[in-house]
N, C-alpha and C. Protein backbone atom coordinates (compact mmCIF):
# COMPACT_ATOMS: atom_id res chain seq x y z
N GLN A 1 31.26 -57.34 -43.42
CA GLN A 1 31.37 -55.84 -43.96
C GLN A 1 32.62 -55.33 -43.91
N ARG A 2 33.28 -55.53 -42.85
CA ARG A 2 34.86 -55.24 -42.93
C ARG A 2 35.65 -55.70 -44.07
N ALA A 3 35.28 -56.84 -44.40
CA ALA A 3 36.02 -57.61 -45.70
C ALA A 3 35.54 -56.83 -46.87
N LEU A 4 34.31 -56.56 -47.00
CA LEU A 4 33.74 -55.74 -48.36
C LEU A 4 34.43 -54.34 -48.25
N TYR A 5 34.68 -53.61 -47.13
CA TYR A 5 35.49 -52.55 -47.19
C TYR A 5 37.02 -52.65 -47.64
N GLY A 6 37.41 -53.71 -47.20
CA GLY A 6 38.94 -54.08 -47.85
C GLY A 6 38.84 -54.43 -49.35
N GLU A 7 37.87 -55.07 -49.80
CA GLU A 7 37.84 -55.17 -51.26
C GLU A 7 37.82 -54.00 -52.01
N ILE A 8 36.70 -53.12 -51.35
CA ILE A 8 36.72 -51.67 -52.11
C ILE A 8 37.93 -51.07 -52.16
N ARG A 9 38.69 -51.05 -50.79
CA ARG A 9 39.97 -50.36 -50.75
C ARG A 9 40.89 -50.95 -51.66
N ASP A 10 40.90 -52.31 -52.09
CA ASP A 10 41.88 -52.62 -52.87
C ASP A 10 41.60 -52.20 -54.40
N ARG A 11 40.31 -51.78 -54.92
CA ARG A 11 39.86 -51.45 -55.99
C ARG A 11 39.92 -50.10 -56.44
N LEU A 12 40.28 -49.14 -55.26
CA LEU A 12 40.19 -47.80 -55.63
C LEU A 12 41.72 -47.21 -55.97
N VAL A 13 41.65 -46.45 -56.89
CA VAL A 13 42.93 -45.62 -57.32
C VAL A 13 43.43 -44.96 -55.90
N PRO A 14 44.71 -44.80 -55.77
CA PRO A 14 45.25 -43.77 -54.87
C PRO A 14 44.55 -42.66 -54.89
N GLY A 15 44.01 -41.80 -53.78
CA GLY A 15 43.41 -40.77 -53.73
C GLY A 15 41.95 -40.90 -53.95
N GLY A 16 41.28 -42.00 -54.35
CA GLY A 16 39.77 -42.29 -54.63
C GLY A 16 39.10 -42.13 -53.42
N ARG A 17 38.00 -41.69 -53.53
CA ARG A 17 37.24 -41.47 -52.13
C ARG A 17 36.21 -42.73 -52.07
N PHE A 18 35.93 -43.15 -50.88
CA PHE A 18 34.96 -44.28 -50.82
C PHE A 18 33.81 -43.61 -50.05
N VAL A 19 32.56 -43.52 -50.27
CA VAL A 19 31.44 -42.84 -49.71
C VAL A 19 30.36 -43.98 -49.60
N ASN A 20 30.03 -44.14 -48.39
CA ASN A 20 28.96 -45.34 -47.90
C ASN A 20 27.67 -44.86 -47.20
N VAL A 21 26.59 -44.94 -47.47
CA VAL A 21 25.53 -44.68 -46.70
C VAL A 21 25.16 -46.07 -45.97
N GLU A 22 25.09 -45.83 -44.76
CA GLU A 22 25.14 -47.12 -43.91
C GLU A 22 24.04 -47.10 -42.86
N HIS A 23 23.41 -48.16 -42.70
CA HIS A 23 22.45 -48.43 -41.53
C HIS A 23 23.30 -48.68 -40.39
N VAL A 24 23.32 -47.97 -39.21
CA VAL A 24 24.37 -48.19 -38.16
C VAL A 24 23.49 -48.32 -36.88
N ALA A 25 24.33 -48.70 -35.84
CA ALA A 25 23.56 -48.93 -34.52
C ALA A 25 23.43 -47.44 -33.90
N SER A 26 22.33 -47.36 -33.10
CA SER A 26 22.17 -46.35 -32.13
C SER A 26 23.11 -46.51 -30.92
N ARG A 27 23.26 -45.45 -30.49
CA ARG A 27 24.24 -45.51 -29.08
C ARG A 27 23.64 -46.00 -27.96
N THR A 28 22.17 -45.90 -27.90
CA THR A 28 21.51 -46.28 -26.85
C THR A 28 20.28 -47.22 -27.18
N PRO A 29 19.72 -48.18 -26.44
CA PRO A 29 18.33 -48.74 -26.82
C PRO A 29 17.34 -47.63 -26.85
N ALA A 30 17.21 -46.73 -26.09
CA ALA A 30 16.19 -45.81 -26.36
C ALA A 30 16.24 -45.26 -27.54
N LEU A 31 17.42 -44.79 -28.02
CA LEU A 31 17.48 -43.96 -29.41
C LEU A 31 17.03 -45.11 -30.45
N HIS A 32 17.43 -46.31 -30.12
CA HIS A 32 16.99 -47.34 -31.07
C HIS A 32 15.65 -47.45 -31.12
N GLU A 33 14.93 -47.53 -30.06
CA GLU A 33 13.43 -47.45 -30.04
C GLU A 33 12.91 -46.33 -30.83
N GLU A 34 13.55 -45.18 -30.38
CA GLU A 34 12.98 -43.96 -31.34
C GLU A 34 12.95 -44.00 -32.80
N PHE A 35 14.28 -44.59 -33.12
CA PHE A 35 14.15 -44.81 -34.69
C PHE A 35 13.14 -45.78 -35.19
N LEU A 36 13.08 -46.94 -34.48
CA LEU A 36 12.15 -47.81 -34.99
C LEU A 36 10.68 -47.20 -35.07
N CYS A 37 10.32 -46.30 -34.09
CA CYS A 37 9.01 -45.63 -34.07
C CYS A 37 9.01 -44.72 -35.27
N ALA A 38 9.97 -43.98 -35.66
CA ALA A 38 9.98 -43.09 -36.82
C ALA A 38 9.94 -43.78 -38.01
N ILE A 39 10.27 -45.09 -38.20
CA ILE A 39 9.93 -45.87 -39.40
C ILE A 39 8.73 -46.71 -39.26
N GLY A 40 7.97 -46.57 -38.17
CA GLY A 40 6.75 -47.20 -38.08
C GLY A 40 6.72 -48.60 -37.62
N LYS A 41 8.01 -48.89 -36.81
CA LYS A 41 7.95 -50.28 -36.31
C LYS A 41 8.07 -50.12 -34.72
N THR A 42 8.27 -51.35 -34.16
CA THR A 42 8.34 -51.43 -32.78
C THR A 42 9.44 -52.51 -32.46
N LEU A 43 9.98 -52.75 -31.16
CA LEU A 43 11.01 -53.67 -30.74
C LEU A 43 10.39 -54.96 -31.12
N GLU A 44 9.14 -55.09 -31.17
CA GLU A 44 8.53 -56.47 -31.25
C GLU A 44 8.57 -56.97 -32.89
N THR A 45 8.55 -55.73 -33.65
CA THR A 45 8.37 -56.11 -35.16
C THR A 45 9.78 -55.74 -35.70
N ASP A 46 10.89 -55.42 -34.97
CA ASP A 46 12.33 -55.21 -35.39
C ASP A 46 12.83 -56.69 -35.88
N ASP A 47 13.48 -56.52 -36.93
CA ASP A 47 14.09 -57.61 -37.54
C ASP A 47 15.33 -58.16 -36.74
N PRO A 48 15.19 -59.30 -35.90
CA PRO A 48 16.25 -59.84 -35.12
C PRO A 48 17.59 -60.14 -35.92
N SER A 49 17.59 -60.32 -37.10
CA SER A 49 18.78 -60.70 -37.86
C SER A 49 19.56 -59.36 -38.33
N ASN A 50 19.09 -58.34 -38.01
CA ASN A 50 19.87 -57.03 -38.54
C ASN A 50 20.54 -56.69 -37.41
N LYS A 51 21.97 -57.03 -37.63
CA LYS A 51 22.88 -56.72 -36.56
C LYS A 51 23.76 -55.79 -37.19
N LEU A 52 23.51 -54.48 -36.46
CA LEU A 52 24.02 -53.13 -36.67
C LEU A 52 25.40 -53.01 -36.06
N VAL A 53 26.22 -52.06 -36.59
CA VAL A 53 27.52 -51.70 -36.09
C VAL A 53 27.49 -50.36 -35.89
N ALA A 54 28.16 -49.99 -34.62
CA ALA A 54 28.23 -48.44 -34.42
C ALA A 54 29.19 -47.52 -35.26
N VAL A 55 28.93 -46.37 -35.29
CA VAL A 55 29.88 -45.58 -36.46
C VAL A 55 31.47 -45.79 -36.05
N PRO A 56 31.73 -45.64 -34.71
CA PRO A 56 33.15 -45.93 -34.46
C PRO A 56 33.75 -47.04 -35.04
N HIS A 57 33.06 -48.29 -34.98
CA HIS A 57 33.66 -49.52 -35.51
C HIS A 57 33.90 -49.28 -37.19
N HIS A 58 32.97 -48.77 -37.78
CA HIS A 58 33.17 -48.58 -39.15
C HIS A 58 34.49 -47.70 -39.45
N LEU A 59 34.54 -46.78 -38.65
CA LEU A 59 35.77 -45.73 -38.97
C LEU A 59 36.94 -46.49 -38.45
N GLU A 60 36.94 -47.21 -37.42
CA GLU A 60 38.31 -48.26 -37.29
C GLU A 60 38.67 -49.25 -38.18
N TRP A 61 37.63 -49.56 -38.77
CA TRP A 61 37.65 -50.54 -39.96
C TRP A 61 38.63 -49.95 -40.95
N LEU A 62 38.09 -48.75 -41.57
CA LEU A 62 38.42 -48.01 -42.67
C LEU A 62 39.96 -47.54 -42.33
N ASP A 63 40.21 -47.18 -40.87
CA ASP A 63 41.73 -46.92 -40.48
C ASP A 63 42.34 -48.12 -40.78
N ASP A 64 42.07 -49.13 -40.19
CA ASP A 64 42.77 -50.56 -40.04
C ASP A 64 43.20 -50.89 -41.47
N LEU A 65 42.11 -50.67 -42.57
CA LEU A 65 42.30 -51.32 -43.81
C LEU A 65 43.32 -50.21 -44.82
N GLY A 66 43.66 -49.07 -44.13
CA GLY A 66 44.48 -48.13 -44.88
C GLY A 66 43.80 -47.11 -45.50
N PHE A 67 42.60 -46.66 -45.31
CA PHE A 67 41.94 -45.44 -45.65
C PHE A 67 42.67 -44.32 -45.03
N ARG A 68 42.60 -43.28 -45.39
CA ARG A 68 42.76 -41.90 -44.91
C ARG A 68 41.68 -41.04 -44.65
N ASP A 69 41.73 -40.32 -43.53
CA ASP A 69 40.80 -39.33 -43.29
C ASP A 69 39.28 -40.01 -43.35
N ALA A 70 39.32 -41.21 -42.69
CA ALA A 70 37.91 -41.87 -42.48
C ALA A 70 37.13 -40.85 -41.35
N GLU A 71 35.86 -40.76 -41.88
CA GLU A 71 35.13 -39.91 -41.16
C GLU A 71 33.58 -40.19 -41.42
N CYS A 72 32.83 -39.91 -40.43
CA CYS A 72 31.28 -39.82 -40.45
C CYS A 72 30.92 -38.52 -40.96
N VAL A 73 30.38 -38.30 -42.22
CA VAL A 73 30.26 -36.82 -42.40
C VAL A 73 28.77 -36.41 -42.15
N TRP A 74 27.94 -37.40 -41.98
CA TRP A 74 26.50 -37.09 -41.86
C TRP A 74 25.79 -38.17 -40.91
N LYS A 75 24.95 -38.08 -40.05
CA LYS A 75 24.41 -38.99 -39.32
C LYS A 75 23.07 -38.52 -38.78
N TRP A 76 21.93 -39.24 -38.84
CA TRP A 76 20.62 -38.93 -38.49
C TRP A 76 19.80 -40.40 -37.93
N ARG A 77 19.89 -40.45 -36.80
CA ARG A 77 19.35 -41.68 -36.26
C ARG A 77 20.22 -42.75 -36.50
N GLU A 78 19.64 -44.01 -37.23
CA GLU A 78 20.55 -44.98 -37.72
C GLU A 78 21.06 -45.06 -39.00
N LEU A 79 21.16 -43.96 -39.47
CA LEU A 79 21.59 -43.59 -40.93
C LEU A 79 22.82 -42.85 -40.90
N ALA A 80 23.88 -43.18 -41.43
CA ALA A 80 25.04 -42.36 -41.48
C ALA A 80 25.97 -42.38 -42.85
N ILE A 81 26.67 -41.60 -43.21
CA ILE A 81 27.51 -41.52 -44.49
C ILE A 81 28.97 -41.50 -43.86
N ILE A 82 29.67 -42.61 -44.28
CA ILE A 82 30.90 -42.87 -43.73
C ILE A 82 31.71 -42.64 -45.02
N THR A 83 32.97 -41.95 -44.83
CA THR A 83 33.79 -41.82 -45.98
C THR A 83 35.38 -42.18 -45.61
N GLY A 84 36.17 -42.25 -46.82
CA GLY A 84 37.58 -42.50 -46.45
C GLY A 84 38.22 -42.42 -47.82
N VAL A 85 39.53 -42.04 -47.72
CA VAL A 85 40.18 -41.85 -49.07
C VAL A 85 41.32 -42.95 -49.10
N ALA A 86 41.33 -43.57 -50.40
CA ALA A 86 42.51 -44.67 -50.49
C ALA A 86 43.93 -44.15 -50.57
């Protein structure tokens, strides 16, 4: 995913804004279980191949790739909107 962010950064014009709605990791196992319940799933029915990344890591990637003003502008449970400016 970090590599994809880099490809996007390379294609944006200077000042272009990247906006991404992302499925992100919960901060705690209890919050993850609450999210699963909200979407009608359980820990047993959760997809083990779904490897989620926490919001701070997404923002670090954007910073490292040269985006400016990387920010999480909205988050609800395991959904987040991440932005950055090329």
